[in-house]
Amino acid sequence: MPGTPCYAGSDVIVYTTYPRGCTSSYPNCNSYPISSDNLIYTGSNLSNIGGNTNDTITVIIQKINEKLSPTEMLENIISILNSNPTLKEALCEVLSDC
Protein backbone atom coordinates (compact mmCIF):
# COMPACT_ATOMS: atom_id res chain seq x y z
CA MET A 1 0.00 0.00 0.00
CA PRO A 2 1.23 3.52 -0.63
CA GLY A 3 2.68 4.98 2.48
CA THR A 4 3.67 1.65 4.04
CA PRO A 5 6.76 2.36 6.12
CA CYS A 6 10.10 0.83 5.17
CA TYR A 7 11.50 -1.90 7.40
CA ALA A 8 15.14 -2.37 6.53
CA GLY A 9 17.10 -5.28 7.92
CA SER A 10 14.26 -7.02 9.71
CA ASP A 11 12.68 -10.43 9.22
CA VAL A 12 9.38 -8.75 8.34
CA ILE A 13 8.50 -8.54 4.67
CA VAL A 14 6.55 -5.40 3.89
CA TYR A 15 4.96 -5.11 0.49
CA THR A 16 5.08 -1.57 -0.85
CA THR A 17 4.46 0.05 -4.20
CA TYR A 18 8.12 0.91 -4.39
CA PRO A 19 11.03 -1.18 -5.68
CA ARG A 20 13.15 -3.02 -3.12
CA GLY A 21 14.87 -0.49 -0.91
CA CYS A 22 11.74 1.66 -0.74
CA THR A 23 12.97 4.35 -3.08
CA SER A 24 10.89 6.92 -4.87
CA SER A 25 11.40 10.34 -6.43
CA TYR A 26 10.42 11.81 -3.07
CA PRO A 27 12.57 12.14 0.06
CA ASN A 28 11.05 9.21 1.96
CA CYS A 29 8.72 6.28 1.49
CA ASN A 30 5.77 7.97 3.11
CA SER A 31 5.74 11.02 0.83
CA TYR A 32 2.57 11.99 -1.01
CA PRO A 33 1.54 12.37 -3.75
CA ILE A 34 2.90 9.21 -5.32
CA SER A 35 3.68 9.59 -9.00
CA SER A 36 2.22 6.93 -11.31
CA ASP A 37 5.77 6.70 -12.72
CA ASN A 38 6.74 5.17 -9.36
CA LEU A 39 3.96 2.57 -9.29
CA ILE A 40 4.60 -0.72 -11.05
CA TYR A 41 1.88 -3.01 -12.40
CA THR A 42 2.65 -6.53 -11.16
CA GLY A 43 -0.35 -8.47 -12.46
CA SER A 44 -0.42 -10.73 -15.49
CA ASN A 45 0.10 -9.26 -18.97
CA LEU A 46 -2.89 -7.34 -20.33
CA SER A 47 -3.07 -8.66 -23.87
CA ASN A 48 -6.02 -6.51 -24.94
CA ILE A 49 -4.09 -3.30 -24.39
CA GLY A 50 -0.49 -4.48 -24.66
CA GLY A 51 0.18 -3.87 -20.98
CA ASN A 52 2.92 -5.93 -19.40
CA THR A 53 3.97 -6.96 -15.93
CA ASN A 54 6.38 -4.34 -14.57
CA ASP A 55 5.04 -1.51 -16.74
CA THR A 56 4.50 1.65 -14.76
CA ILE A 57 0.94 2.71 -14.11
CA THR A 58 1.68 5.73 -16.34
CA VAL A 59 2.46 3.40 -19.26
CA ILE A 60 -0.64 1.26 -18.61
CA ILE A 61 -2.89 4.35 -18.59
CA GLN A 62 -1.29 5.60 -21.82
CA LYS A 63 -1.92 2.23 -23.48
CA ILE A 64 -5.57 2.25 -22.34
CA ASN A 65 -5.95 5.77 -23.68
CA GLU A 66 -4.56 4.73 -27.08
CA LYS A 67 -6.98 1.80 -27.28
CA LEU A 68 -9.90 4.11 -26.51
CA SER A 69 -9.16 6.45 -29.41
CA PRO A 70 -12.03 6.47 -31.94
CA THR A 71 -9.71 5.53 -34.81
CA GLU A 72 -8.26 2.56 -32.93
CA MET A 73 -11.71 1.37 -31.86
CA LEU A 74 -13.12 1.59 -35.40
CA GLU A 75 -10.10 -0.23 -36.85
CA ASN A 76 -10.60 -3.01 -34.28
CA ILE A 77 -14.31 -3.32 -35.07
CA ILE A 78 -13.62 -3.52 -38.81
CA SER A 79 -10.92 -6.13 -38.25
CA ILE A 80 -13.23 -8.24 -36.09
CA LEU A 81 -16.06 -8.00 -38.62
CA ASN A 82 -13.74 -8.97 -41.48
CA SER A 83 -12.55 -12.04 -39.59
CA ASN A 84 -16.01 -13.17 -38.44
CA PRO A 85 -18.50 -13.55 -41.33
CA THR A 86 -21.36 -14.54 -39.00
CA LEU A 87 -20.97 -11.42 -36.92
CA LYS A 88 -20.61 -9.29 -40.05
CA GLU A 89 -23.79 -10.78 -41.50
CA ALA A 90 -25.69 -10.09 -38.26
CA LEU A 91 -24.52 -6.49 -38.24
CA CYS A 92 -25.43 -6.01 -41.89
CA GLU A 93 -28.87 -7.41 -41.17
CA VAL A 94 -29.37 -4.90 -38.38
CA LEU A 95 -28.05 -2.02 -40.49
CA SER A 96 -29.78 -3.26 -43.69
CA ASP A 97 -27.02 -1.80 -45.81
CA CYS A 98 -24.08 -4.05 -46.71
C-alpha atoms as a PDB file:
ATOM      1  CA  MET A   1       0.000   0.000   0.000  1.00  0.00           C
ATOM      2  CA  PRO A   2       1.225   3.517  -0.629  1.00  0.00           C
ATOM      3  CA  GLY A   3       2.684   4.979   2.479  1.00  0.00           C
ATOM      4  CA  THR A   4       3.669   1.651   4.039  1.00  0.00           C
ATOM      5  CA  PRO A   5       6.758   2.358   6.122  1.00  0.00           C
ATOM      6  CA  CYS A   6      10.097   0.829   5.173  1.00  0.00           C
ATOM      7  CA  TYR A   7      11.497  -1.899   7.396  1.00  0.00           C
ATOM      8  CA  ALA A   8      15.142  -2.370   6.528  1.00  0.00           C
ATOM      9  CA  GLY A   9      17.096  -5.280   7.918  1.00  0.00           C
ATOM     10  CA  SER A  10      14.263  -7.021   9.714  1.00  0.00           C
ATOM     11  CA  ASP A  11      12.680 -10.429   9.219  1.00  0.00           C
ATOM     12  CA  VAL A  12       9.385  -8.754   8.344  1.00  0.00           C
ATOM     13  CA  ILE A  13       8.503  -8.539   4.672  1.00  0.00           C
ATOM     14  CA  VAL A  14       6.553  -5.401   3.890  1.00  0.00           C
ATOM     15  CA  TYR A  15       4.963  -5.106   0.490  1.00  0.00           C
ATOM     16  CA  THR A  16       5.075  -1.565  -0.851  1.00  0.00           C
ATOM     17  CA  THR A  17       4.459   0.046  -4.197  1.00  0.00           C
ATOM     18  CA  TYR A  18       8.123   0.912  -4.388  1.00  0.00           C
ATOM     19  CA  PRO A  19      11.030  -1.176  -5.683  1.00  0.00           C
ATOM     20  CA  ARG A  20      13.149  -3.019  -3.120  1.00  0.00           C
ATOM     21  CA  GLY A  21      14.869  -0.488  -0.915  1.00  0.00           C
ATOM     22  CA  CYS A  22      11.741   1.661  -0.740  1.00  0.00           C
ATOM     23  CA  THR A  23      12.965   4.354  -3.080  1.00  0.00           C
ATOM     24  CA  SER A  24      10.895   6.924  -4.875  1.00  0.00           C
ATOM     25  CA  SER A  25      11.400  10.344  -6.429  1.00  0.00           C
ATOM     26  CA  TYR A  26      10.417  11.812  -3.067  1.00  0.00           C
ATOM     27  CA  PRO A  27      12.574  12.144   0.060  1.00  0.00           C
ATOM     28  CA  ASN A  28      11.053   9.213   1.962  1.00  0.00           C
ATOM     29  CA  CYS A  29       8.722   6.279   1.486  1.00  0.00           C
ATOM     30  CA  ASN A  30       5.769   7.975   3.109  1.00  0.00           C
ATOM     31  CA  SER A  31       5.744  11.022   0.830  1.00  0.00           C
ATOM     32  CA  TYR A  32       2.572  11.995  -1.013  1.00  0.00           C
ATOM     33  CA  PRO A  33       1.540  12.366  -3.752  1.00  0.00           C
ATOM     34  CA  ILE A  34       2.899   9.208  -5.317  1.00  0.00           C
ATOM     35  CA  SER A  35       3.677   9.586  -9.001  1.00  0.00           C
ATOM     36  CA  SER A  36       2.224   6.929 -11.311  1.00  0.00           C
ATOM     37  CA  ASP A  37       5.769   6.697 -12.722  1.00  0.00           C
ATOM     38  CA  ASN A  38       6.743   5.175  -9.357  1.00  0.00           C
ATOM     39  CA  LEU A  39       3.959   2.573  -9.287  1.00  0.00           C
ATOM     40  CA  ILE A  40       4.599  -0.718 -11.054  1.00  0.00           C
ATOM     41  CA  TYR A  41       1.882  -3.005 -12.403  1.00  0.00           C
ATOM     42  CA  THR A  42       2.645  -6.525 -11.159  1.00  0.00           C
ATOM     43  CA  GLY A  43      -0.352  -8.469 -12.462  1.00  0.00           C
ATOM     44  CA  SER A  44      -0.424 -10.728 -15.492  1.00  0.00           C
ATOM     45  CA  ASN A  45       0.096  -9.256 -18.968  1.00  0.00           C
ATOM     46  CA  LEU A  46      -2.888  -7.335 -20.327  1.00  0.00           C
ATOM     47  CA  SER A  47      -3.067  -8.665 -23.867  1.00  0.00           C
ATOM     48  CA  ASN A  48      -6.020  -6.511 -24.944  1.00  0.00           C
ATOM     49  CA  ILE A  49      -4.094  -3.296 -24.395  1.00  0.00           C
ATOM     50  CA  GLY A  50      -0.493  -4.484 -24.660  1.00  0.00           C
ATOM     51  CA  GLY A  51       0.176  -3.869 -20.976  1.00  0.00           C
ATOM     52  CA  ASN A  52       2.920  -5.933 -19.399  1.00  0.00           C
ATOM     53  CA  THR A  53       3.965  -6.960 -15.928  1.00  0.00           C
ATOM     54  CA  ASN A  54       6.384  -4.343 -14.565  1.00  0.00           C
ATOM     55  CA  ASP A  55       5.036  -1.510 -16.742  1.00  0.00           C
ATOM     56  CA  THR A  56       4.501   1.653 -14.762  1.00  0.00           C
ATOM     57  CA  ILE A  57       0.941   2.709 -14.110  1.00  0.00           C
ATOM     58  CA  THR A  58       1.677   5.729 -16.343  1.00  0.00           C
ATOM     59  CA  VAL A  59       2.462   3.401 -19.259  1.00  0.00           C
ATOM     60  CA  ILE A  60      -0.640   1.260 -18.605  1.00  0.00           C
ATOM     61  CA  ILE A  61      -2.888   4.350 -18.591  1.00  0.00           C
ATOM     62  CA  GLN A  62      -1.292   5.602 -21.818  1.00  0.00           C
ATOM     63  CA  LYS A  63      -1.922   2.228 -23.481  1.00  0.00           C
ATOM     64  CA  ILE A  64      -5.565   2.250 -22.340  1.00  0.00           C
ATOM     65  CA  ASN A  65      -5.953   5.773 -23.680  1.00  0.00           C
ATOM     66  CA  GLU A  66      -4.561   4.727 -27.084  1.00  0.00           C
ATOM     67  CA  LYS A  67      -6.985   1.798 -27.275  1.00  0.00           C
ATOM     68  CA  LEU A  68      -9.900   4.114 -26.512  1.00  0.00           C
ATOM     69  CA  SER A  69      -9.164   6.450 -29.409  1.00  0.00           C
ATOM     70  CA  PRO A  70     -12.031   6.466 -31.937  1.00  0.00           C
ATOM     71  CA  THR A  71      -9.706   5.527 -34.807  1.00  0.00           C
ATOM     72  CA  GLU A  72      -8.263   2.557 -32.933  1.00  0.00           C
ATOM     73  CA  MET A  73     -11.709   1.369 -31.865  1.00  0.00           C
ATOM     74  CA  LEU A  74     -13.123   1.590 -35.405  1.00  0.00           C
ATOM     75  CA  GLU A  75     -10.104  -0.234 -36.848  1.00  0.00           C
ATOM     76  CA  ASN A  76     -10.596  -3.011 -34.279  1.00  0.00           C
ATOM     77  CA  ILE A  77     -14.315  -3.319 -35.069  1.00  0.00           C
ATOM     78  CA  ILE A  78     -13.621  -3.519 -38.808  1.00  0.00           C
ATOM     79  CA  SER A  79     -10.921  -6.128 -38.249  1.00  0.00           C
ATOM     80  CA  ILE A  80     -13.231  -8.243 -36.088  1.00  0.00           C
ATOM     81  CA  LEU A  81     -16.061  -8.004 -38.623  1.00  0.00           C
ATOM     82  CA  ASN A  82     -13.744  -8.972 -41.483  1.00  0.00           C
ATOM     83  CA  SER A  83     -12.548 -12.039 -39.593  1.00  0.00           C
ATOM     84  CA  ASN A  84     -16.011 -13.166 -38.440  1.00  0.00           C
ATOM     85  CA  PRO A  85     -18.503 -13.551 -41.330  1.00  0.00           C
ATOM     86  CA  THR A  86     -21.359 -14.539 -39.005  1.00  0.00           C
ATOM     87  CA  LEU A  87     -20.967 -11.423 -36.921  1.00  0.00           C
ATOM     88  CA  LYS A  88     -20.607  -9.286 -40.047  1.00  0.00           C
ATOM     89  CA  GLU A  89     -23.790 -10.776 -41.500  1.00  0.00           C
ATOM     90  CA  ALA A  90     -25.687 -10.090 -38.258  1.00  0.00           C
ATOM     91  CA  LEU A  91     -24.520  -6.493 -38.245  1.00  0.00           C
ATOM     92  CA  CYS A  92     -25.431  -6.011 -41.894  1.00  0.00           C
ATOM     93  CA  GLU A  93     -28.867  -7.408 -41.171  1.00  0.00           C
ATOM     94  CA  VAL A  94     -29.374  -4.901 -38.380  1.00  0.00           C
ATOM     95  CA  LEU A  95     -28.048  -2.023 -40.487  1.00  0.00           C
ATOM     96  CA  SER A  96     -29.778  -3.260 -43.685  1.00  0.00           C
ATOM     97  CA  ASP A  97     -27.022  -1.796 -45.806  1.00  0.00           C
ATOM     98  CA  CYS A  98     -24.080  -4.046 -46.715  1.00  0.00           C
END
